[in-house]
Amino acid sequence: MEPRAAQLRRREGLGGQKEDRPSREGNNDTHRGPDLLQWTRHMQAVKTQLLEQAQGQLTELLDQAMCEAIQAYPPQDRPVPSIPPDSLHKTREPSLGKRKVFINRKSLLDELMEVQHFRTIYHMFVAGLCVFIISTLAIDFIDEGRLMLEFDLLIFSFGQLPLALVTWVPMFLSTLLVPYQALWLWARPQSRAAWTLGVGLGCMLLAGHTAVLSILPVHVAVEYQLPPASRCVLVFEQVRLLMKSYSFLREIVPGTLRARGGEGIRAPSFSSYLYFLFCPTLIYRETYPRTPNVRWNYVAKNVAQALGCVLYACFILGRLCVPVFANMSREPFSTRALVLSIMHATLPGIFMLLLIFFAFLHCWLNAFAEMLRFGDRMFYRDWWNSTSFSNYYRTWNVVVHDWLYSYVYQDGLWLLGGRARRAAMLGVFLVSAVVHEYIFCFVLGFFYPVMLLLFLVIGGPLNFMMHDRRTGPAWNVLMWTMLFLGQGIQVSLYCQEWYARRHCPLTQTTFWGLVTPRSWSCHT
């Protein structure tokens, strides 16, 4: 214990030092102030650069770690797969080694629907459907003197639906049996001669399977003149089954081909392949993350919303498109009328885009995911916030984008030695444009390459010009403006061609008569 007097003297001495220190430090700070400010800014810039680099490297490492963790998960009756020793070095080339990783996550709209403000926007769209129904009832009451909802357009669009469903059965059975049987022929242990014979037989089976999926739906649609909605069922299933077959073989066959003649490898289970054919993804994995149970009320809600979107689309076409374009081909052509029709079609066009997105990419896929307890519900991202078309193409339909990225872009890079990225990206655009144009041609029953030109002539250059470095609200406004105009062009030109082919049928069927747009000459 120090004496009390000594403690008081020491405190007074410290107080005197504290009083002198500010005056000396104040003089030093006066000289060091500008230098300290510049040094602080420099260190902040260095910190930002280090954080950006660390974030990029950490993202690649985490993606690789998740992928390896999922691959290393031991399935039933399977040994734990070995991890390559150089797997961590592959993060330097993520474009060539990056694989789709499935995890449990909800769809973005399900998360946004938990916010009251976003639910109000959803209620506004429901109110719009109610307005269309009230408008239809009012017009029918004024014209006919009775309240009656007519569903002529809906009934016409889904005509001969049972025939389309019957046609789907052999398409599905072919996809269910042929690729798996071909893989079994290649994977079972056998002599080299027998293995070569099995490879030839498997290739013949796959060629027959491709012919069935390619020819059968086209023949039925043309022979029986199926209406648009029934054709949609066939063409979407045709494309989906072809993409799933390719993914299954692409993921399994390389391991089979690397196996030597007498060794063989074990083929995946038939139940995993059957599950893959129904689950809402186009990338094959033997196992997927699963939810603990099925919420049947959630399934019923999404199915009801999807059917409501179909009804909504019929009202939009019947009230906003049919009265404008039904008799347009009977009037003299003028540039003014064409431009006005495109501008008029922008609103129903963007409505149709939003309805297709909500009905299929959210409601329909979530309903199937819930019934199958499929855990990864990221079927889309926040494409509405995109400030570039490259980001829009990646986030609009994640299910198809994953397939294109894995089997067109990455395989294209691998074939080109990992260098020609723009060439691989152009290949993705070409494949997507051709498939989209084929779908429109199949559904509408005529060839009019509006979608092909919009994809290649406009969408391709915009993808390279409006890249991810473009940020800010002005770019998002520009993207939405281009979407409005693009949808208006599609709705206007396709509707004009639809009615022109009914008002001006060909007197003699020729090739050029079939591929030449009838709306260019059908004006009486």
Protein backbone atom coordinates (compact mmCIF):
# COMPACT_ATOMS: atom_id res chain seq x y z
CA MET A 1 0.00 0.00 0.00
CA GLU A 2 1.40 3.40 -1.04
CA PRO A 3 1.01 6.40 1.27
CA ARG A 4 -1.95 8.63 0.38
CA ALA A 5 0.32 11.69 -0.16
CA ALA A 6 2.47 9.79 -2.71
CA GLN A 7 -0.64 8.74 -4.66
CA LEU A 8 -1.91 12.34 -4.78
CA ARG A 9 1.49 13.65 -6.02
CA ARG A 10 1.61 10.99 -8.77
CA ARG A 11 -1.90 11.85 -9.97
CA GLU A 12 -1.08 15.55 -10.12
CA GLY A 13 2.04 14.77 -12.15
CA LEU A 14 0.03 12.69 -14.63
CA GLY A 15 -2.56 15.44 -14.88
CA GLY A 16 0.14 17.95 -15.75
CA GLN A 17 1.52 15.64 -18.45
CA LYS A 18 -1.99 15.22 -19.93
CA GLU A 19 -2.42 18.97 -20.06
CA ASP A 20 0.89 19.44 -21.91
CA ARG A 21 0.33 16.52 -24.32
CA PRO A 22 -2.59 17.98 -26.32
CA SER A 23 -0.68 21.12 -27.18
CA ARG A 24 2.33 19.13 -28.47
CA GLU A 25 0.14 16.61 -30.35
CA GLY A 26 -1.92 19.42 -31.82
CA ASN A 27 1.16 20.86 -33.56
CA ASN A 28 2.10 17.45 -34.95
CA ASP A 29 -1.45 16.73 -36.19
CA THR A 30 -1.47 20.04 -38.04
CA HIS A 31 1.45 18.84 -40.17
CA ARG A 32 0.38 15.19 -40.43
CA GLY A 33 -3.32 15.84 -41.24
CA PRO A 34 -3.15 15.86 -45.10
CA ASP A 35 -0.68 12.95 -45.22
CA LEU A 36 -2.81 10.91 -42.83
CA LEU A 37 -5.95 11.54 -44.93
CA GLN A 38 -4.20 10.41 -48.14
CA TRP A 39 -2.80 7.35 -46.40
CA THR A 40 -6.27 6.45 -45.07
CA ARG A 41 -7.77 6.67 -48.56
CA HIS A 42 -4.95 4.56 -49.97
CA MET A 43 -5.48 1.88 -47.34
CA GLN A 44 -9.23 1.86 -48.00
CA ALA A 45 -8.57 1.30 -51.70
CA VAL A 46 -6.14 -1.51 -50.87
CA LYS A 47 -8.72 -3.03 -48.52
CA THR A 48 -11.40 -2.93 -51.25
CA GLN A 49 -9.13 -4.66 -53.76
CA LEU A 50 -8.11 -7.32 -51.25
CA LEU A 51 -11.73 -7.99 -50.31
CA GLU A 52 -12.78 -8.35 -53.96
CA GLN A 53 -9.94 -10.78 -54.69
CA ALA A 54 -10.58 -12.73 -51.50
CA GLN A 55 -14.30 -12.92 -52.22
CA GLY A 56 -13.72 -14.30 -55.71
CA GLN A 57 -11.23 -16.89 -54.53
CA LEU A 58 -13.38 -17.83 -51.53
CA THR A 59 -16.43 -18.28 -53.77
CA GLU A 60 -14.52 -20.63 -56.07
CA LEU A 61 -13.15 -22.60 -53.11
CA LEU A 62 -16.57 -22.91 -51.48
CA ASP A 63 -18.20 -24.04 -54.76
CA GLN A 64 -15.48 -26.64 -55.22
CA ALA A 65 -15.75 -27.78 -51.59
CA MET A 66 -19.55 -28.16 -51.83
CA CYS A 67 -19.23 -30.08 -55.08
CA GLU A 68 -16.63 -32.44 -53.61
CA ALA A 69 -18.67 -32.87 -50.42
CA ILE A 70 -21.75 -33.88 -52.40
CA GLN A 71 -19.75 -36.20 -54.62
CA ALA A 72 -18.10 -37.74 -51.58
CA TYR A 73 -21.42 -38.49 -49.87
CA PRO A 74 -21.57 -42.31 -49.80
CA PRO A 75 -24.80 -43.68 -51.35
CA GLN A 76 -26.25 -46.89 -50.09
CA ASP A 77 -24.07 -49.95 -50.74
CA ARG A 78 -21.43 -47.80 -52.43
CA PRO A 79 -17.84 -47.18 -51.36
CA VAL A 80 -16.77 -43.65 -50.62
CA PRO A 81 -15.36 -42.20 -53.88
CA SER A 82 -11.78 -41.07 -53.85
CA ILE A 83 -11.03 -37.37 -54.18
CA PRO A 84 -8.40 -36.49 -56.79
CA PRO A 85 -5.30 -34.99 -55.14
CA ASP A 86 -5.20 -32.10 -57.60
CA SER A 87 -8.85 -31.15 -57.18
CA LEU A 88 -8.06 -27.93 -55.34
CA HIS A 89 -5.91 -26.77 -58.24
CA LYS A 90 -8.89 -26.89 -60.58
CA THR A 91 -10.34 -23.77 -59.02
CA ARG A 92 -8.05 -21.76 -61.24
CA GLU A 93 -10.14 -22.90 -64.24
CA PRO A 94 -13.72 -22.76 -62.96
CA SER A 95 -15.26 -22.61 -66.43
CA LEU A 96 -13.95 -26.06 -67.35
CA GLY A 97 -14.48 -27.84 -64.03
CA LYS A 98 -17.53 -26.17 -62.51
CA ARG A 99 -20.50 -28.48 -61.94
CA LYS A 100 -24.04 -27.80 -60.87
CA VAL A 101 -24.40 -28.12 -57.09
CA PHE A 102 -27.86 -28.92 -55.71
CA ILE A 103 -28.77 -27.72 -52.22
CA ASN A 104 -32.01 -27.24 -50.29
CA ARG A 105 -33.39 -23.76 -51.02
CA LYS A 106 -36.75 -22.14 -51.70
CA SER A 107 -37.82 -20.30 -54.84
CA LEU A 108 -37.23 -16.59 -54.78
CA LEU A 109 -40.91 -15.69 -55.15
CA ASP A 110 -41.81 -17.88 -52.18
CA GLU A 111 -39.38 -15.87 -50.09
CA LEU A 112 -40.67 -12.57 -51.47
CA MET A 113 -44.29 -13.57 -50.84
CA GLU A 114 -43.53 -13.49 -47.14
CA VAL A 115 -43.28 -9.69 -47.45
CA GLN A 116 -46.64 -7.93 -47.32
CA HIS A 117 -45.62 -5.31 -49.90
CA PHE A 118 -44.83 -7.97 -52.49
CA ARG A 119 -48.04 -9.86 -51.76
CA THR A 120 -49.89 -6.64 -52.59
CA ILE A 121 -48.36 -6.67 -56.08
CA TYR A 122 -49.59 -10.25 -56.47
CA HIS A 123 -53.05 -9.14 -55.36
CA MET A 124 -53.00 -6.43 -58.03
CA PHE A 125 -52.53 -9.06 -60.75
CA VAL A 126 -55.39 -11.11 -59.28
CA ALA A 127 -57.52 -7.97 -59.33
CA GLY A 128 -56.64 -7.54 -63.00
CA LEU A 129 -58.02 -11.03 -63.70
CA CYS A 130 -61.20 -10.08 -61.86
CA VAL A 131 -61.51 -6.96 -64.02
CA PHE A 132 -61.21 -9.07 -67.20
CA ILE A 133 -63.96 -11.41 -65.93
CA ILE A 134 -66.23 -8.47 -65.01
CA SER A 135 -65.57 -6.87 -68.41
CA THR A 136 -66.49 -10.08 -70.22
CA LEU A 137 -69.70 -10.48 -68.20
CA ALA A 138 -70.68 -6.86 -68.77
CA ILE A 139 -70.12 -7.03 -72.54
CA ASP A 140 -72.03 -10.32 -72.80
CA PHE A 141 -74.89 -8.86 -70.79
CA ILE A 142 -75.05 -5.75 -72.99
CA ASP A 143 -74.81 -7.68 -76.28
CA GLU A 144 -76.75 -10.85 -75.43
CA GLY A 145 -78.87 -9.76 -72.49
CA ARG A 146 -77.48 -12.54 -70.27
CA LEU A 147 -74.52 -13.23 -68.01
CA MET A 148 -72.32 -15.86 -69.60
CA LEU A 149 -68.60 -16.52 -69.70
CA GLU A 150 -67.53 -17.97 -73.04
CA PHE A 151 -64.38 -20.05 -73.18
CA ASP A 152 -64.25 -20.61 -76.95
CA LEU A 153 -60.58 -19.68 -77.20
CA LEU A 154 -59.66 -21.94 -74.27
CA ILE A 155 -61.64 -24.87 -75.67
CA PHE A 156 -60.12 -24.41 -79.13
CA SER A 157 -56.56 -24.18 -77.81
CA PHE A 158 -56.79 -27.41 -75.80
CA GLY A 159 -58.69 -29.35 -78.44
CA GLN A 160 -57.61 -32.99 -78.97
CA LEU A 161 -55.66 -32.92 -75.71
CA PRO A 162 -56.33 -36.66 -75.08
CA LEU A 163 -54.60 -37.47 -78.39
CA ALA A 164 -51.57 -35.45 -77.30
CA LEU A 165 -51.46 -37.29 -73.97
CA VAL A 166 -51.71 -40.68 -75.71
CA THR A 167 -48.84 -39.66 -77.99
CA TRP A 168 -46.78 -38.78 -74.93
CA VAL A 169 -46.92 -42.36 -73.60
CA PRO A 170 -44.61 -43.98 -76.21
CA MET A 171 -42.33 -40.94 -76.03
CA PHE A 172 -41.93 -41.40 -72.30
CA LEU A 173 -41.55 -45.19 -72.47
CA SER A 174 -38.82 -44.82 -75.08
CA THR A 175 -36.97 -42.34 -72.84
CA LEU A 176 -37.46 -44.54 -69.79
CA LEU A 177 -36.17 -47.78 -71.31
CA VAL A 178 -33.77 -47.09 -74.18
CA PRO A 179 -31.05 -44.85 -72.63
CA TYR A 180 -30.86 -46.97 -69.49
CA GLN A 181 -30.74 -50.21 -71.49
CA ALA A 182 -28.00 -48.79 -73.75
CA LEU A 183 -25.97 -47.79 -70.70
CA TRP A 184 -26.44 -51.24 -69.19
CA LEU A 185 -25.07 -52.82 -72.40
CA TRP A 186 -21.99 -50.62 -72.18
CA ALA A 187 -21.36 -50.94 -68.45
CA ARG A 188 -21.65 -54.67 -67.74
CA PRO A 189 -18.40 -56.67 -67.50
CA GLN A 190 -17.72 -58.64 -70.68
CA SER A 191 -15.05 -59.44 -73.23
CA ARG A 192 -13.84 -56.77 -75.63
CA ALA A 193 -15.64 -58.29 -78.63
CA ALA A 194 -18.90 -58.59 -76.73
CA TRP A 195 -18.47 -55.05 -75.38
CA THR A 196 -17.96 -53.72 -78.92
CA LEU A 197 -21.12 -55.52 -80.03
CA GLY A 198 -22.98 -54.06 -77.05
CA VAL A 199 -21.79 -50.56 -77.96
CA GLY A 200 -23.08 -50.97 -81.52
CA LEU A 201 -26.42 -52.31 -80.30
CA GLY A 202 -26.72 -49.48 -77.76
CA CYS A 203 -26.03 -46.87 -80.45
CA MET A 204 -28.73 -48.39 -82.66
CA LEU A 205 -31.20 -48.26 -79.76
CA LEU A 206 -30.34 -44.61 -79.11
CA ALA A 207 -30.75 -43.77 -82.80
CA GLY A 208 -34.21 -45.35 -82.74
CA HIS A 209 -35.04 -43.50 -79.53
CA THR A 210 -34.01 -40.17 -81.08
CA ALA A 211 -36.10 -40.93 -84.17
CA VAL A 212 -39.17 -41.69 -82.05
CA LEU A 213 -38.86 -38.44 -80.10
CA SER A 214 -38.13 -36.40 -83.23
CA ILE A 215 -40.68 -37.79 -85.69
CA LEU A 216 -43.68 -39.07 -83.69
CA PRO A 217 -44.88 -35.75 -82.17
CA VAL A 218 -44.35 -33.89 -85.47
CA HIS A 219 -46.32 -36.53 -87.38
CA VAL A 220 -49.23 -36.48 -84.93
CA ALA A 221 -49.36 -32.67 -84.83
CA VAL A 222 -49.37 -32.33 -88.64
CA GLU A 223 -51.55 -35.33 -89.43
CA TYR A 224 -54.31 -34.49 -86.94
CA GLN A 225 -53.93 -30.68 -87.04
CA LEU A 226 -53.59 -30.29 -83.30
CA PRO A 227 -54.41 -26.83 -81.88
CA PRO A 228 -51.70 -24.69 -80.22
CA ALA A 229 -52.03 -25.72 -76.55
CA SER A 230 -52.06 -29.44 -77.37
CA ARG A 231 -49.02 -28.90 -79.54
CA CYS A 232 -47.34 -27.18 -76.59
CA VAL A 233 -47.70 -30.35 -74.54
CA LEU A 234 -46.01 -32.42 -77.25
CA VAL A 235 -43.17 -30.06 -78.14
CA PHE A 236 -42.26 -29.23 -74.53
CA GLU A 237 -42.17 -32.91 -73.62
CA GLN A 238 -40.22 -33.70 -76.78
CA VAL A 239 -37.53 -31.14 -75.94
CA ARG A 240 -37.53 -32.01 -72.22
CA LEU A 241 -37.10 -35.76 -72.80
CA LEU A 242 -34.34 -35.21 -75.34
CA MET A 243 -32.45 -32.93 -72.96
CA LYS A 244 -32.87 -35.32 -70.04
CA SER A 245 -31.71 -38.29 -72.15
CA TYR A 246 -28.62 -36.38 -73.21
CA SER A 247 -27.83 -35.28 -69.66
CA PHE A 248 -28.14 -38.84 -68.33
CA LEU A 249 -25.82 -40.25 -70.97
CA ARG A 250 -23.42 -37.31 -70.80
CA GLU A 251 -22.97 -37.69 -67.05
CA ILE A 252 -22.58 -41.50 -66.99
CA VAL A 253 -21.08 -42.55 -70.34
CA PRO A 254 -17.62 -40.90 -69.92
CA GLY A 255 -16.93 -43.08 -66.89
CA THR A 256 -18.10 -46.11 -68.83
CA LEU A 257 -15.84 -45.36 -71.79
CA ARG A 258 -12.84 -44.86 -69.50
CA ALA A 259 -13.37 -48.31 -68.03
CA ARG A 260 -11.38 -51.04 -69.69
CA GLY A 261 -13.00 -53.88 -71.55
CA GLY A 262 -13.09 -56.53 -68.85
CA GLU A 263 -13.46 -54.30 -65.83
CA GLY A 264 -16.76 -52.49 -66.35
CA ILE A 265 -18.45 -50.16 -63.92
CA ARG A 266 -21.68 -50.32 -62.03
CA ALA A 267 -24.59 -48.55 -63.73
CA PRO A 268 -26.73 -46.16 -61.68
CA SER A 269 -29.91 -47.50 -60.16
CA PHE A 270 -33.06 -47.54 -62.27
CA SER A 271 -35.00 -45.77 -59.51
CA SER A 272 -32.63 -42.79 -59.60
CA TYR A 273 -33.09 -42.52 -63.38
CA LEU A 274 -36.87 -42.77 -63.05
CA TYR A 275 -36.83 -40.03 -60.41
CA PHE A 276 -34.69 -37.85 -62.67
CA LEU A 277 -37.22 -38.09 -65.51
CA PHE A 278 -39.89 -36.42 -63.35
CA CYS A 279 -37.94 -34.08 -61.07
CA PRO A 280 -37.71 -30.42 -62.23
CA THR A 281 -34.09 -30.35 -63.37
CA LEU A 282 -32.25 -31.17 -66.59
CA ILE A 283 -28.93 -32.10 -64.92
CA TYR A 284 -28.63 -35.75 -63.90
CA ARG A 285 -27.35 -36.72 -60.47
CA GLU A 286 -27.84 -40.06 -58.76
CA THR A 287 -29.02 -38.31 -55.60
CA TYR A 288 -30.59 -34.93 -54.94
CA PRO A 289 -31.32 -33.03 -51.73
CA ARG A 290 -34.82 -33.90 -50.50
CA THR A 291 -37.34 -32.21 -48.27
CA PRO A 292 -38.70 -34.16 -45.25
CA ASN A 293 -42.37 -34.27 -46.32
CA VAL A 294 -44.91 -33.21 -48.96
CA ARG A 295 -47.13 -30.18 -48.36
CA TRP A 296 -50.18 -31.09 -50.43
CA ASN A 297 -51.85 -27.74 -49.77
CA TYR A 298 -48.80 -26.08 -51.35
CA VAL A 299 -49.13 -28.40 -54.37
CA ALA A 300 -52.83 -27.60 -54.77
CA LYS A 301 -52.15 -23.87 -54.46
CA ASN A 302 -49.52 -23.90 -57.21
CA VAL A 303 -51.61 -26.04 -59.55
CA ALA A 304 -54.58 -23.70 -59.06
CA GLN A 305 -52.37 -20.67 -59.74
CA ALA A 306 -51.02 -22.27 -62.92
CA LEU A 307 -54.56 -22.95 -64.17
CA GLY A 308 -55.53 -19.39 -63.26
CA CYS A 309 -52.63 -18.09 -65.37
CA VAL A 310 -53.90 -20.10 -68.35
CA LEU A 311 -57.34 -18.53 -67.91
CA TYR A 312 -55.71 -15.11 -67.53
CA ALA A 313 -53.79 -15.59 -70.81
CA CYS A 314 -56.99 -16.53 -72.64
CA PHE A 315 -58.70 -13.35 -71.43
CA ILE A 316 -55.72 -11.24 -72.54
CA LEU A 317 -55.66 -12.79 -76.00
CA GLY A 318 -59.44 -12.62 -76.36
CA ARG A 319 -59.79 -9.00 -75.22
CA LEU A 320 -56.53 -7.34 -76.29
CA CYS A 321 -55.27 -9.28 -79.32
CA VAL A 322 -58.08 -10.95 -81.24
CA PRO A 323 -60.14 -7.74 -81.84
CA VAL A 324 -57.03 -5.94 -83.15
CA PHE A 325 -55.45 -8.58 -85.39
CA ALA A 326 -58.43 -10.67 -86.57
CA ASN A 327 -59.20 -8.42 -89.57
CA MET A 328 -55.86 -6.64 -89.97
CA SER A 329 -54.87 -8.77 -92.98
CA ARG A 330 -58.04 -7.67 -94.80
CA GLU A 331 -57.03 -4.03 -94.68
CA PRO A 332 -54.46 -2.32 -96.94
CA PHE A 333 -50.92 -2.45 -95.58
CA SER A 334 -49.39 0.70 -94.11
CA THR A 335 -46.30 1.34 -92.03
CA ARG A 336 -48.36 3.36 -89.61
CA ALA A 337 -50.74 0.46 -88.97
CA LEU A 338 -47.80 -1.93 -88.45
CA VAL A 339 -46.07 0.35 -85.94
CA LEU A 340 -49.31 1.00 -84.07
CA SER A 341 -50.03 -2.73 -83.89
CA ILE A 342 -46.59 -3.39 -82.40
CA MET A 343 -47.04 -0.63 -79.82
CA HIS A 344 -50.51 -1.96 -78.98
CA ALA A 345 -49.12 -5.48 -78.53
CA THR A 346 -46.43 -4.46 -76.02
CA LEU A 347 -48.82 -4.55 -73.04
CA PRO A 348 -50.42 -7.96 -73.77
CA GLY A 349 -46.98 -9.23 -74.77
CA ILE A 350 -45.35 -8.36 -71.45
CA PHE A 351 -48.39 -9.74 -69.62
CA MET A 352 -47.95 -13.02 -71.49
CA LEU A 353 -44.25 -13.09 -70.59
CA LEU A 354 -44.98 -12.61 -66.89
CA LEU A 355 -47.77 -15.20 -66.95
CA ILE A 356 -45.57 -17.80 -68.65
CA PHE A 357 -42.84 -17.14 -66.10
CA PHE A 358 -45.15 -17.37 -63.09
CA ALA A 359 -47.25 -20.30 -64.35
CA PHE A 360 -44.44 -22.55 -65.52
CA LEU A 361 -41.16 -21.54 -63.89
CA HIS A 362 -42.70 -20.94 -60.48
CA CYS A 363 -46.05 -22.69 -60.03
CA TRP A 364 -45.68 -25.77 -62.21
CA LEU A 365 -42.08 -26.59 -61.32
CA ASN A 366 -42.66 -25.93 -57.62
CA ALA A 367 -45.72 -28.20 -57.64
CA PHE A 368 -43.69 -31.09 -59.09
CA ALA A 369 -40.76 -30.33 -56.81
CA GLU A 370 -43.03 -30.48 -53.77
CA MET A 371 -44.68 -33.75 -54.86
CA LEU A 372 -41.24 -35.34 -55.42
CA ARG A 373 -39.71 -33.67 -52.34
CA PHE A 374 -37.07 -32.11 -54.60
CA GLY A 375 -35.08 -29.72 -52.42
CA ASP A 376 -33.41 -27.31 -54.83
CA ARG A 377 -36.13 -24.85 -55.94
CA MET A 378 -33.88 -22.27 -57.64
CA PHE A 379 -35.62 -22.44 -61.01
CA TYR A 380 -34.97 -18.75 -61.66
CA ARG A 381 -33.22 -15.79 -60.09
CA ASP A 382 -34.07 -12.10 -59.85
CA TRP A 383 -34.09 -11.56 -63.62
CA TRP A 384 -36.33 -8.49 -63.21
CA ASN A 385 -33.41 -6.65 -61.59
CA SER A 386 -31.06 -7.34 -64.51
CA THR A 387 -29.12 -4.43 -65.93
CA SER A 388 -27.64 -6.47 -68.78
CA PHE A 389 -28.99 -9.04 -71.19
CA SER A 390 -26.23 -11.47 -70.30
CA ASN A 391 -27.49 -11.50 -66.71
CA TYR A 392 -31.10 -11.74 -67.90
CA TYR A 393 -30.35 -14.82 -70.00
CA ARG A 394 -28.63 -16.47 -67.02
CA THR A 395 -31.37 -15.74 -64.49
CA TRP A 396 -34.63 -15.98 -66.46
CA ASN A 397 -34.69 -19.79 -66.74
CA VAL A 398 -32.01 -21.36 -64.55
CA VAL A 399 -33.17 -24.90 -65.39
CA VAL A 400 -32.41 -24.53 -69.10
CA HIS A 401 -29.40 -22.28 -68.49
CA ASP A 402 -27.73 -24.96 -66.35
CA TRP A 403 -28.12 -27.47 -69.21
CA LEU A 404 -26.77 -25.05 -71.83
CA TYR A 405 -23.89 -24.02 -69.60
CA SER A 406 -22.92 -27.59 -68.71
CA TYR A 407 -23.30 -29.33 -72.07
CA VAL A 408 -22.93 -26.61 -74.71
CA TYR A 409 -20.73 -23.90 -73.21
CA GLN A 410 -18.40 -26.03 -71.07
CA ASP A 411 -18.15 -28.86 -73.60
CA GLY A 412 -17.55 -26.28 -76.32
CA LEU A 413 -14.72 -24.78 -74.28
CA TRP A 414 -13.28 -28.24 -73.73
CA LEU A 415 -13.36 -29.01 -77.46
CA LEU A 416 -11.77 -25.65 -78.26
CA GLY A 417 -9.05 -26.03 -75.66
CA GLY A 418 -10.58 -23.65 -73.12
CA ARG A 419 -9.74 -20.53 -75.11
CA ALA A 420 -12.49 -19.42 -77.48
CA ARG A 421 -15.03 -18.31 -74.89
CA ARG A 422 -16.89 -16.03 -77.30
CA ALA A 423 -17.21 -18.88 -79.80
CA ALA A 424 -18.64 -21.13 -77.08
CA MET A 425 -21.05 -18.38 -76.04
CA LEU A 426 -22.11 -17.92 -79.66
CA GLY A 427 -22.78 -21.65 -79.84
CA VAL A 428 -25.08 -21.36 -76.81
CA PHE A 429 -26.98 -18.54 -78.54
CA LEU A 430 -27.27 -20.51 -81.76
CA VAL A 431 -28.61 -23.64 -80.07
CA SER A 432 -31.05 -21.63 -77.95
CA ALA A 433 -32.28 -19.58 -80.92
CA VAL A 434 -32.84 -22.65 -83.12
CA VAL A 435 -34.71 -24.54 -80.38
CA HIS A 436 -36.90 -21.51 -79.55
CA GLU A 437 -37.74 -21.01 -83.22
CA TYR A 438 -38.53 -24.72 -83.59
CA ILE A 439 -40.91 -24.53 -80.61
CA PHE A 440 -42.73 -21.52 -82.08
CA CYS A 441 -42.91 -23.19 -85.50
CA PHE A 442 -44.27 -26.41 -83.95
CA VAL A 443 -46.89 -24.66 -81.80
CA LEU A 444 -48.18 -22.20 -84.41
CA GLY A 445 -47.94 -24.54 -87.38
CA PHE A 446 -45.98 -22.22 -89.67
CA PHE A 447 -42.44 -20.97 -90.17
CA TYR A 448 -41.94 -17.28 -89.43
CA PRO A 449 -38.41 -16.69 -88.00
CA VAL A 450 -39.25 -13.75 -85.75
CA MET A 451 -37.82 -15.40 -82.64
CA LEU A 452 -34.72 -16.56 -84.52
CA LEU A 453 -33.96 -13.04 -85.75
CA LEU A 454 -34.64 -11.48 -82.34
CA PHE A 455 -32.27 -13.95 -80.70
CA LEU A 456 -29.39 -13.78 -83.18
CA VAL A 457 -29.66 -10.30 -84.72
CA ILE A 458 -30.72 -8.35 -81.61
CA GLY A 459 -30.19 -10.57 -78.55
CA GLY A 460 -26.69 -11.70 -79.52
CA PRO A 461 -25.14 -8.24 -79.96
CA LEU A 462 -26.97 -6.93 -76.88
CA ASN A 463 -25.52 -9.77 -74.84
CA PHE A 464 -22.00 -8.60 -75.67
CA MET A 465 -22.70 -4.86 -75.48
CA MET A 466 -24.89 -4.84 -72.34
CA HIS A 467 -22.57 -6.95 -70.19
CA ASP A 468 -22.38 -7.29 -66.41
CA ARG A 469 -20.32 -4.14 -65.99
CA ARG A 470 -23.37 -2.09 -66.89
CA THR A 471 -25.02 -1.25 -63.59
CA GLY A 472 -27.45 1.35 -62.39
CA PRO A 473 -31.19 1.96 -62.73
CA ALA A 474 -30.90 3.42 -66.25
CA TRP A 475 -29.68 0.09 -67.61
CA ASN A 476 -32.51 -1.78 -65.92
CA VAL A 477 -34.99 0.65 -67.52
CA LEU A 478 -33.33 0.08 -70.90
CA MET A 479 -33.57 -3.69 -70.48
CA TRP A 480 -37.27 -3.52 -69.63
CA THR A 481 -37.87 -1.20 -72.59
CA MET A 482 -36.25 -3.74 -74.91
CA LEU A 483 -38.34 -6.51 -73.37
CA PHE A 484 -41.55 -4.54 -73.93
CA LEU A 485 -40.66 -3.85 -77.56
CA GLY A 486 -39.51 -7.41 -78.20
CA GLN A 487 -42.72 -8.89 -76.82
CA GLY A 488 -44.76 -6.40 -78.86
CA ILE A 489 -42.97 -7.40 -82.06
CA GLN A 490 -43.51 -11.10 -81.41
CA VAL A 491 -47.19 -10.83 -80.50
CA SER A 492 -47.97 -8.47 -83.39
CA LEU A 493 -46.15 -10.35 -86.15
CA TYR A 494 -47.19 -13.84 -85.05
CA CYS A 495 -50.85 -12.80 -84.68
CA GLN A 496 -50.84 -11.16 -88.13
CA GLU A 497 -49.33 -14.27 -89.70
CA TRP A 498 -51.81 -16.55 -87.89
CA TYR A 499 -54.86 -14.76 -89.30
CA ALA A 500 -53.29 -14.16 -92.72
CA ARG A 501 -52.85 -17.91 -93.22
CA ARG A 502 -56.53 -18.40 -92.49
CA HIS A 503 -57.77 -15.55 -94.64
CA CYS A 504 -55.44 -16.27 -97.58
CA PRO A 505 -54.90 -20.04 -97.94
CA LEU A 506 -52.51 -21.33 -100.59
CA THR A 507 -54.05 -22.37 -103.88
CA GLN A 508 -51.08 -24.65 -104.53
CA THR A 509 -48.78 -26.08 -101.87
CA THR A 510 -45.13 -25.32 -102.60
CA PHE A 511 -42.02 -25.11 -100.46
CA TRP A 512 -41.61 -21.37 -100.93
CA GLY A 513 -45.28 -20.86 -100.26
CA LEU A 514 -44.92 -22.62 -96.92
CA VAL A 515 -41.84 -20.70 -95.74
CA THR A 516 -42.80 -17.26 -97.11
CA PRO A 517 -44.75 -15.11 -94.60
CA ARG A 518 -48.35 -14.84 -95.78
CA SER A 519 -48.96 -11.58 -93.92
CA TRP A 520 -46.67 -9.76 -96.36
CA SER A 521 -49.04 -10.29 -99.28
CA CYS A 522 -52.45 -11.03 -97.73
CA HIS A 523 -54.02 -7.54 -97.75
CA THR A 524 -57.35 -7.26 -99.55
